[in-house]
Amino acid sequence: MSENRYKKFIELFKNPLNRHEMEDADISHEGQNTCGDKLTVFLKIKDGRIVDASYEGAFCAFSNASASQVTEFIKGMTLEEVEAIDNPKLFQLIGDDLSDNPHRLSCILFPLRTVKEACKKFKEHGPDKNYQKPKKGISCHCDEHNAELGL
């Protein structure tokens, strides 16, 4: 595995953007990836526009890097603009499409999918002020891959 190729992922794992629980969020949504990764996104929304976004959970370095980039990128966007973000735009944002590594591809797509589900939930049901902290899950198999990267 090339350390240079994954330098951005490693940096964002060590110094994530927006990784914190947002207690005054208007909506939160917990997603679970097929590998067992869990991610909760928090969105603060005003007049149909995302004014703040954060995330928390148990996931690999690649999901973390994607969540960092996605939550930073969507600030200021309308819900409709977020729902229109496609995979090529995400790959551009991340700096790598990882098409040669399907497992990692799933990891970087997972946070965007979870954010879009949160937007849909908000549009259908409005603000959710009954957020309950998710229970700690078991570690996913990504832990061994994180170890390979020295994380």
N, C-alpha and C. Protein backbone atom coordinates (compact mmCIF):
# COMPACT_ATOMS: atom_id res chain seq x y z
N MET A 1 0.86 -1.18 0.00
CA MET A 1 0.00 0.00 0.00
C MET A 1 0.90 1.24 0.00
N SER A 2 0.64 2.14 -0.90
CA SER A 2 1.45 3.34 -1.02
C SER A 2 1.04 4.39 0.01
N GLU A 3 1.98 4.76 0.86
CA GLU A 3 1.67 5.76 1.88
C GLU A 3 1.39 7.12 1.24
N ASN A 4 2.10 7.44 0.14
CA ASN A 4 1.87 8.72 -0.52
C ASN A 4 0.44 8.83 -1.04
N ARG A 5 -0.07 7.74 -1.61
CA ARG A 5 -1.43 7.76 -2.17
C ARG A 5 -2.44 8.07 -1.08
N TYR A 6 -2.21 7.57 0.11
CA TYR A 6 -3.17 7.70 1.19
C TYR A 6 -2.81 8.80 2.19
N LYS A 7 -1.88 9.66 1.83
CA LYS A 7 -1.41 10.70 2.74
C LYS A 7 -2.56 11.59 3.23
N LYS A 8 -3.46 12.01 2.33
CA LYS A 8 -4.58 12.87 2.71
C LYS A 8 -5.50 12.15 3.69
N PHE A 9 -5.75 10.85 3.46
CA PHE A 9 -6.61 10.07 4.34
C PHE A 9 -6.00 9.96 5.73
N ILE A 10 -4.70 9.72 5.77
CA ILE A 10 -4.00 9.60 7.06
C ILE A 10 -4.03 10.94 7.81
N GLU A 11 -3.78 12.04 7.09
CA GLU A 11 -3.80 13.36 7.71
C GLU A 11 -5.17 13.69 8.29
N LEU A 12 -6.24 13.38 7.54
CA LEU A 12 -7.58 13.66 8.03
C LEU A 12 -8.00 12.71 9.15
N PHE A 13 -7.42 11.52 9.19
CA PHE A 13 -7.70 10.62 10.32
C PHE A 13 -7.07 11.17 11.59
N LYS A 14 -5.84 11.68 11.46
CA LYS A 14 -5.14 12.22 12.62
C LYS A 14 -5.68 13.59 13.04
N ASN A 15 -6.13 14.39 12.08
CA ASN A 15 -6.64 15.74 12.34
C ASN A 15 -7.96 15.94 11.61
N PRO A 16 -9.01 15.27 12.07
CA PRO A 16 -10.29 15.35 11.35
C PRO A 16 -10.94 16.73 11.46
N LEU A 17 -11.71 17.05 10.43
CA LEU A 17 -12.50 18.27 10.41
C LEU A 17 -13.91 17.93 10.87
N ASN A 18 -14.48 18.72 11.73
CA ASN A 18 -15.91 18.61 12.11
C ASN A 18 -16.26 17.32 12.84
N ARG A 19 -15.29 16.65 13.43
CA ARG A 19 -15.60 15.41 14.14
C ARG A 19 -15.93 15.73 15.60
N HIS A 20 -17.23 15.90 15.83
CA HIS A 20 -17.73 16.15 17.18
C HIS A 20 -19.24 16.01 17.15
N GLU A 21 -19.79 15.73 18.29
CA GLU A 21 -21.24 15.68 18.42
C GLU A 21 -21.77 17.12 18.47
N MET A 22 -22.88 17.36 17.78
CA MET A 22 -23.50 18.68 17.78
C MET A 22 -24.83 18.57 18.53
N GLU A 23 -24.83 19.02 19.77
CA GLU A 23 -26.01 18.85 20.60
C GLU A 23 -27.19 19.71 20.19
N ASP A 24 -26.94 20.82 19.49
CA ASP A 24 -28.05 21.68 19.06
C ASP A 24 -28.40 21.48 17.58
N ALA A 25 -28.06 20.31 17.04
CA ALA A 25 -28.36 20.01 15.64
C ALA A 25 -29.87 19.99 15.41
N ASP A 26 -30.25 20.37 14.21
CA ASP A 26 -31.66 20.29 13.83
C ASP A 26 -32.04 18.87 13.42
N ILE A 27 -31.07 18.14 12.92
CA ILE A 27 -31.31 16.75 12.53
C ILE A 27 -30.02 15.96 12.72
N SER A 28 -30.18 14.72 13.13
CA SER A 28 -29.05 13.80 13.18
C SER A 28 -29.52 12.50 12.54
N HIS A 29 -28.58 11.80 11.97
CA HIS A 29 -28.93 10.53 11.34
C HIS A 29 -27.76 9.57 11.47
N GLU A 30 -28.07 8.37 11.94
CA GLU A 30 -27.03 7.34 12.06
C GLU A 30 -27.12 6.39 10.88
N GLY A 31 -26.00 6.20 10.22
CA GLY A 31 -25.90 5.25 9.12
C GLY A 31 -24.97 4.13 9.51
N GLN A 32 -25.15 2.99 8.86
CA GLN A 32 -24.26 1.85 9.09
C GLN A 32 -23.86 1.29 7.74
N ASN A 33 -22.57 1.12 7.55
CA ASN A 33 -22.05 0.57 6.31
C ASN A 33 -22.04 -0.96 6.40
N THR A 34 -21.92 -1.61 5.27
CA THR A 34 -21.95 -3.08 5.23
C THR A 34 -20.80 -3.71 6.01
N CYS A 35 -19.70 -2.99 6.17
CA CYS A 35 -18.54 -3.52 6.90
C CYS A 35 -18.70 -3.41 8.41
N GLY A 36 -19.71 -2.67 8.87
CA GLY A 36 -19.92 -2.48 10.30
C GLY A 36 -19.60 -1.08 10.77
N ASP A 37 -19.03 -0.25 9.90
CA ASP A 37 -18.78 1.15 10.26
C ASP A 37 -20.09 1.82 10.63
N LYS A 38 -20.06 2.66 11.66
CA LYS A 38 -21.22 3.45 12.06
C LYS A 38 -20.84 4.92 12.05
N LEU A 39 -21.76 5.73 11.57
CA LEU A 39 -21.51 7.16 11.44
C LEU A 39 -22.81 7.89 11.75
N THR A 40 -22.72 8.88 12.63
CA THR A 40 -23.85 9.75 12.88
C THR A 40 -23.48 11.14 12.38
N VAL A 41 -24.32 11.70 11.52
CA VAL A 41 -24.10 13.06 11.03
C VAL A 41 -25.07 13.99 11.74
N PHE A 42 -24.63 15.20 11.97
CA PHE A 42 -25.41 16.24 12.64
C PHE A 42 -25.46 17.45 11.72
N LEU A 43 -26.66 17.96 11.48
CA LEU A 43 -26.81 19.11 10.61
C LEU A 43 -27.59 20.22 11.31
N LYS A 44 -27.10 21.42 11.19
CA LYS A 44 -27.80 22.63 11.65
C LYS A 44 -28.30 23.30 10.38
N ILE A 45 -29.61 23.50 10.29
CA ILE A 45 -30.22 23.98 9.06
C ILE A 45 -31.03 25.25 9.33
N LYS A 46 -30.84 26.26 8.48
CA LYS A 46 -31.60 27.50 8.59
C LYS A 46 -32.07 27.89 7.19
N ASP A 47 -33.37 28.09 7.05
CA ASP A 47 -33.96 28.48 5.78
C ASP A 47 -33.57 27.54 4.63
N GLY A 48 -33.55 26.23 4.92
CA GLY A 48 -33.26 25.23 3.90
C GLY A 48 -31.80 25.12 3.51
N ARG A 49 -30.92 25.77 4.28
CA ARG A 49 -29.49 25.78 3.99
C ARG A 49 -28.72 25.22 5.19
N ILE A 50 -27.72 24.41 4.94
CA ILE A 50 -26.91 23.83 6.01
C ILE A 50 -25.93 24.88 6.49
N VAL A 51 -26.05 25.27 7.76
CA VAL A 51 -25.16 26.28 8.31
C VAL A 51 -24.03 25.66 9.12
N ASP A 52 -24.20 24.40 9.53
CA ASP A 52 -23.13 23.69 10.23
C ASP A 52 -23.36 22.19 10.07
N ALA A 53 -22.26 21.45 10.07
CA ALA A 53 -22.33 20.01 9.92
C ALA A 53 -21.18 19.38 10.70
N SER A 54 -21.47 18.24 11.32
CA SER A 54 -20.44 17.49 12.03
C SER A 54 -20.79 16.02 11.99
N TYR A 55 -19.90 15.20 12.54
CA TYR A 55 -20.12 13.76 12.53
C TYR A 55 -19.39 13.12 13.71
N GLU A 56 -19.80 11.92 14.03
CA GLU A 56 -19.19 11.13 15.09
C GLU A 56 -19.44 9.67 14.77
N GLY A 57 -18.66 8.77 15.33
CA GLY A 57 -18.93 7.35 15.10
C GLY A 57 -17.71 6.48 15.25
N ALA A 58 -17.85 5.25 14.77
CA ALA A 58 -16.79 4.25 14.79
C ALA A 58 -16.60 3.78 13.35
N PHE A 59 -15.46 4.14 12.75
CA PHE A 59 -15.26 3.88 11.33
C PHE A 59 -13.78 3.92 11.00
N CYS A 60 -13.46 3.51 9.78
CA CYS A 60 -12.06 3.46 9.35
C CYS A 60 -11.55 4.83 8.93
N ALA A 61 -10.27 4.89 8.64
CA ALA A 61 -9.62 6.14 8.25
C ALA A 61 -10.22 6.71 6.97
N PHE A 62 -10.64 5.85 6.06
CA PHE A 62 -11.18 6.31 4.78
C PHE A 62 -12.57 6.93 4.96
N SER A 63 -13.42 6.29 5.76
CA SER A 63 -14.73 6.88 6.06
C SER A 63 -14.56 8.19 6.80
N ASN A 64 -13.61 8.24 7.73
CA ASN A 64 -13.35 9.47 8.48
C ASN A 64 -12.90 10.60 7.56
N ALA A 65 -11.98 10.30 6.64
CA ALA A 65 -11.49 11.34 5.72
C ALA A 65 -12.63 11.84 4.84
N SER A 66 -13.46 10.94 4.36
CA SER A 66 -14.59 11.33 3.53
C SER A 66 -15.58 12.16 4.34
N ALA A 67 -15.89 11.74 5.56
CA ALA A 67 -16.82 12.49 6.42
C ALA A 67 -16.27 13.88 6.71
N SER A 68 -14.97 13.99 6.95
CA SER A 68 -14.34 15.29 7.19
C SER A 68 -14.55 16.21 5.99
N GLN A 69 -14.26 15.69 4.81
CA GLN A 69 -14.36 16.49 3.59
C GLN A 69 -15.82 16.83 3.27
N VAL A 70 -16.70 15.85 3.37
CA VAL A 70 -18.11 16.07 3.04
C VAL A 70 -18.74 17.10 3.97
N THR A 71 -18.53 16.96 5.29
CA THR A 71 -19.16 17.90 6.23
C THR A 71 -18.63 19.31 6.04
N GLU A 72 -17.39 19.44 5.65
CA GLU A 72 -16.83 20.77 5.38
C GLU A 72 -17.42 21.35 4.09
N PHE A 73 -17.51 20.52 3.07
CA PHE A 73 -17.96 20.94 1.75
C PHE A 73 -19.42 21.40 1.73
N ILE A 74 -20.29 20.74 2.50
CA ILE A 74 -21.73 21.02 2.41
C ILE A 74 -22.17 22.27 3.18
N LYS A 75 -21.31 22.81 4.00
CA LYS A 75 -21.68 24.01 4.75
C LYS A 75 -22.01 25.14 3.79
N GLY A 76 -23.20 25.70 3.95
CA GLY A 76 -23.66 26.78 3.08
C GLY A 76 -24.54 26.29 1.93
N MET A 77 -24.60 25.00 1.71
CA MET A 77 -25.41 24.45 0.62
C MET A 77 -26.87 24.27 1.03
N THR A 78 -27.75 24.29 0.04
CA THR A 78 -29.14 23.95 0.30
C THR A 78 -29.25 22.42 0.37
N LEU A 79 -30.35 21.94 0.92
CA LEU A 79 -30.57 20.50 0.99
C LEU A 79 -30.59 19.89 -0.41
N GLU A 80 -31.17 20.59 -1.36
CA GLU A 80 -31.25 20.10 -2.73
C GLU A 80 -29.86 20.02 -3.36
N GLU A 81 -29.00 20.99 -3.08
CA GLU A 81 -27.63 20.96 -3.62
C GLU A 81 -26.87 19.76 -3.05
N VAL A 82 -27.06 19.48 -1.77
CA VAL A 82 -26.39 18.33 -1.15
C VAL A 82 -26.88 17.04 -1.79
N GLU A 83 -28.19 16.93 -1.98
CA GLU A 83 -28.75 15.71 -2.57
C GLU A 83 -28.25 15.49 -4.00
N ALA A 84 -27.82 16.57 -4.68
CA ALA A 84 -27.36 16.47 -6.06
C ALA A 84 -25.88 16.14 -6.19
N ILE A 85 -25.14 16.10 -5.08
CA ILE A 85 -23.71 15.76 -5.15
C ILE A 85 -23.61 14.33 -5.67
N ASP A 86 -22.82 14.15 -6.72
CA ASP A 86 -22.67 12.81 -7.28
C ASP A 86 -21.28 12.25 -6.95
N ASN A 87 -21.09 10.98 -7.29
CA ASN A 87 -19.83 10.32 -6.96
C ASN A 87 -18.61 11.02 -7.57
N PRO A 88 -18.64 11.42 -8.87
CA PRO A 88 -17.47 12.13 -9.42
C PRO A 88 -17.10 13.38 -8.62
N LYS A 89 -18.10 14.13 -8.14
CA LYS A 89 -17.82 15.33 -7.34
C LYS A 89 -17.15 14.92 -6.02
N LEU A 90 -17.65 13.83 -5.41
CA LEU A 90 -17.05 13.35 -4.17
C LEU A 90 -15.61 12.90 -4.41
N PHE A 91 -15.36 12.18 -5.49
CA PHE A 91 -14.00 11.71 -5.79
C PHE A 91 -13.06 12.90 -5.99
N GLN A 92 -13.56 13.96 -6.63
CA GLN A 92 -12.77 15.17 -6.82
C GLN A 92 -12.43 15.80 -5.46
N LEU A 93 -13.41 15.83 -4.59
CA LEU A 93 -13.23 16.40 -3.26
C LEU A 93 -12.22 15.59 -2.45
N ILE A 94 -12.35 14.28 -2.51
CA ILE A 94 -11.47 13.37 -1.76
C ILE A 94 -10.08 13.33 -2.38
N GLY A 95 -10.01 13.47 -3.71
CA GLY A 95 -8.72 13.41 -4.38
C GLY A 95 -8.36 12.03 -4.87
N ASP A 96 -9.30 11.08 -4.81
CA ASP A 96 -9.03 9.70 -5.24
C ASP A 96 -10.36 8.98 -5.33
N ASP A 97 -10.60 8.24 -6.40
CA ASP A 97 -11.86 7.52 -6.50
C ASP A 97 -11.76 6.08 -5.97
N LEU A 98 -10.55 5.62 -5.73
CA LEU A 98 -10.32 4.28 -5.17
C LEU A 98 -11.06 3.19 -5.94
N SER A 99 -11.26 3.40 -7.24
CA SER A 99 -11.99 2.42 -8.04
C SER A 99 -11.27 1.08 -8.12
N ASP A 100 -9.97 1.08 -7.86
CA ASP A 100 -9.22 -0.17 -7.87
C ASP A 100 -9.30 -0.90 -6.53
N ASN A 101 -10.04 -0.34 -5.57
CA ASN A 101 -10.16 -0.95 -4.25
C ASN A 101 -11.63 -0.84 -3.80
N PRO A 102 -12.47 -1.80 -4.23
CA PRO A 102 -13.92 -1.70 -3.94
C PRO A 102 -14.26 -1.57 -2.47
N HIS A 103 -13.49 -2.20 -1.59
CA HIS A 103 -13.78 -2.06 -0.15
C HIS A 103 -13.63 -0.61 0.28
N ARG A 104 -12.56 0.04 -0.13
CA ARG A 104 -12.33 1.43 0.23
C ARG A 104 -13.30 2.37 -0.47
N LEU A 105 -13.73 2.01 -1.67
CA LEU A 105 -14.73 2.80 -2.37
C LEU A 105 -16.01 2.88 -1.53
N SER A 106 -16.42 1.76 -0.97
CA SER A 106 -17.59 1.73 -0.10
C SER A 106 -17.39 2.66 1.10
N CYS A 107 -16.18 2.68 1.64
CA CYS A 107 -15.87 3.51 2.81
C CYS A 107 -16.00 5.00 2.50
N ILE A 108 -15.53 5.43 1.33
CA ILE A 108 -15.59 6.86 1.05
C ILE A 108 -16.97 7.31 0.60
N LEU A 109 -17.79 6.40 0.07
CA LEU A 109 -19.15 6.75 -0.34
C LEU A 109 -20.11 6.80 0.86
N PHE A 110 -19.80 6.04 1.91
CA PHE A 110 -20.68 5.91 3.07
C PHE A 110 -21.06 7.24 3.73
N PRO A 111 -20.14 8.16 4.04
CA PRO A 111 -20.53 9.42 4.67
C PRO A 111 -21.46 10.28 3.81
N LEU A 112 -21.22 10.35 2.51
CA LEU A 112 -22.11 11.13 1.64
C LEU A 112 -23.51 10.53 1.64
N ARG A 113 -23.59 9.23 1.58
CA ARG A 113 -24.90 8.55 1.63
C ARG A 113 -25.63 8.89 2.93
N THR A 114 -24.91 8.89 4.04
CA THR A 114 -25.51 9.18 5.34
C THR A 114 -25.97 10.63 5.42
N VAL A 115 -25.18 11.55 4.89
CA VAL A 115 -25.57 12.97 4.87
C VAL A 115 -26.83 13.16 4.03
N LYS A 116 -26.88 12.51 2.87
CA LYS A 116 -28.07 12.62 2.01
C LYS A 116 -29.30 12.05 2.71
N GLU A 117 -29.14 10.96 3.46
CA GLU A 117 -30.26 10.39 4.21
C GLU A 117 -30.74 11.36 5.28
N ALA A 118 -29.80 12.07 5.92
CA ALA A 118 -30.17 13.08 6.93
C ALA A 118 -30.96 14.22 6.28
N CYS A 119 -30.53 14.66 5.11
CA CYS A 119 -31.24 15.73 4.40
C CYS A 119 -32.65 15.28 4.04
N LYS A 120 -32.78 14.08 3.55
CA LYS A 120 -34.10 13.54 3.20
C LYS A 120 -35.00 13.45 4.43
N LYS A 121 -34.42 12.98 5.53
CA LYS A 121 -35.17 12.87 6.79
C LYS A 121 -35.66 14.24 7.25
N PHE A 122 -34.81 15.26 7.12
CA PHE A 122 -35.20 16.60 7.53
C PHE A 122 -36.32 17.13 6.64
N LYS A 123 -36.21 16.92 5.33
CA LYS A 123 -37.23 17.40 4.41
C LYS A 123 -38.58 16.72 4.67
N GLU A 124 -38.55 15.45 5.05
CA GLU A 124 -39.79 14.71 5.29
C GLU A 124 -40.41 14.97 6.65
N HIS A 125 -39.57 15.18 7.68
CA HIS A 125 -40.07 15.23 9.05
C HIS A 125 -39.73 16.50 9.81
N GLY A 126 -38.92 17.37 9.24
CA GLY A 126 -38.53 18.59 9.93
C GLY A 126 -37.48 18.33 11.01
N PRO A 127 -37.24 19.32 11.85
CA PRO A 127 -36.21 19.18 12.89
C PRO A 127 -36.49 18.02 13.84
N ASP A 128 -35.42 17.38 14.27
CA ASP A 128 -35.51 16.25 15.19
C ASP A 128 -34.76 16.63 16.46
N LYS A 129 -35.49 17.02 17.47
CA LYS A 129 -34.87 17.45 18.72
C LYS A 129 -34.80 16.32 19.74
N ASN A 130 -35.08 15.10 19.32
CA ASN A 130 -35.06 13.95 20.22
C ASN A 130 -33.84 13.07 19.99
N TYR A 131 -32.72 13.68 19.65
CA TYR A 131 -31.50 12.92 19.39
C TYR A 131 -31.08 12.13 20.62
N GLN A 132 -30.78 10.85 20.39
CA GLN A 132 -30.24 10.01 21.44
C GLN A 132 -28.88 9.51 21.00
N LYS A 133 -27.93 9.64 21.88
CA LYS A 133 -26.57 9.24 21.57
C LYS A 133 -26.54 7.76 21.18
N PRO A 134 -25.90 7.42 20.04
CA PRO A 134 -25.84 6.02 19.64
C PRO A 134 -24.99 5.19 20.61
N LYS A 135 -25.36 3.93 20.73
CA LYS A 135 -24.59 3.03 21.58
C LYS A 135 -23.30 2.67 20.86
N LYS A 136 -22.25 2.47 21.64
CA LYS A 136 -20.98 2.07 21.06
C LYS A 136 -21.13 0.70 20.41
N GLY A 137 -20.68 0.59 19.18
CA GLY A 137 -20.72 -0.69 18.48
C GLY A 137 -19.38 -1.38 18.58
N ILE A 138 -19.31 -2.56 18.06
CA ILE A 138 -18.04 -3.28 18.03
C ILE A 138 -17.20 -2.72 16.89
N SER A 139 -15.91 -2.87 17.00
CA SER A 139 -15.03 -2.39 15.94
C SER A 139 -15.25 -3.20 14.68
N CYS A 140 -15.12 -2.55 13.54
CA CYS A 140 -15.28 -3.25 12.28
C CYS A 140 -13.94 -3.80 11.84
N HIS A 141 -13.95 -4.54 10.75
CA HIS A 141 -12.72 -5.14 10.25
C HIS A 141 -11.74 -4.10 9.71
N CYS A 142 -12.16 -2.87 9.64
CA CYS A 142 -11.28 -1.81 9.16
C CYS A 142 -10.13 -1.55 10.12
N ASP A 143 -10.26 -1.97 11.38
CA ASP A 143 -9.20 -1.74 12.35
C ASP A 143 -7.86 -2.31 11.88
N GLU A 144 -7.90 -3.48 11.24
CA GLU A 144 -6.65 -4.07 10.77
C GLU A 144 -6.08 -3.25 9.61
N HIS A 145 -6.96 -2.69 8.77
CA HIS A 145 -6.49 -1.83 7.68
C HIS A 145 -5.94 -0.52 8.22
N ASN A 146 -6.55 0.03 9.26
CA ASN A 146 -6.02 1.23 9.89
C ASN A 146 -4.64 0.96 10.46
N ALA A 147 -4.45 -0.22 11.04
CA ALA A 147 -3.15 -0.59 11.59
C ALA A 147 -2.09 -0.64 10.49
N GLU A 148 -2.47 -1.13 9.31
CA GLU A 148 -1.54 -1.15 8.18
C GLU A 148 -1.05 0.24 7.82
N LEU A 149 -1.92 1.22 8.00
CA LEU A 149 -1.57 2.61 7.69
C LEU A 149 -0.85 3.30 8.85
N GLY A 150 -0.69 2.57 9.96
CA GLY A 150 -0.02 3.14 11.12
C GLY A 150 -0.91 4.01 11.96
N LEU A 151 -2.23 3.75 11.91
CA LEU A 151 -3.19 4.59 12.64
C LEU A 151 -3.68 3.87 13.88
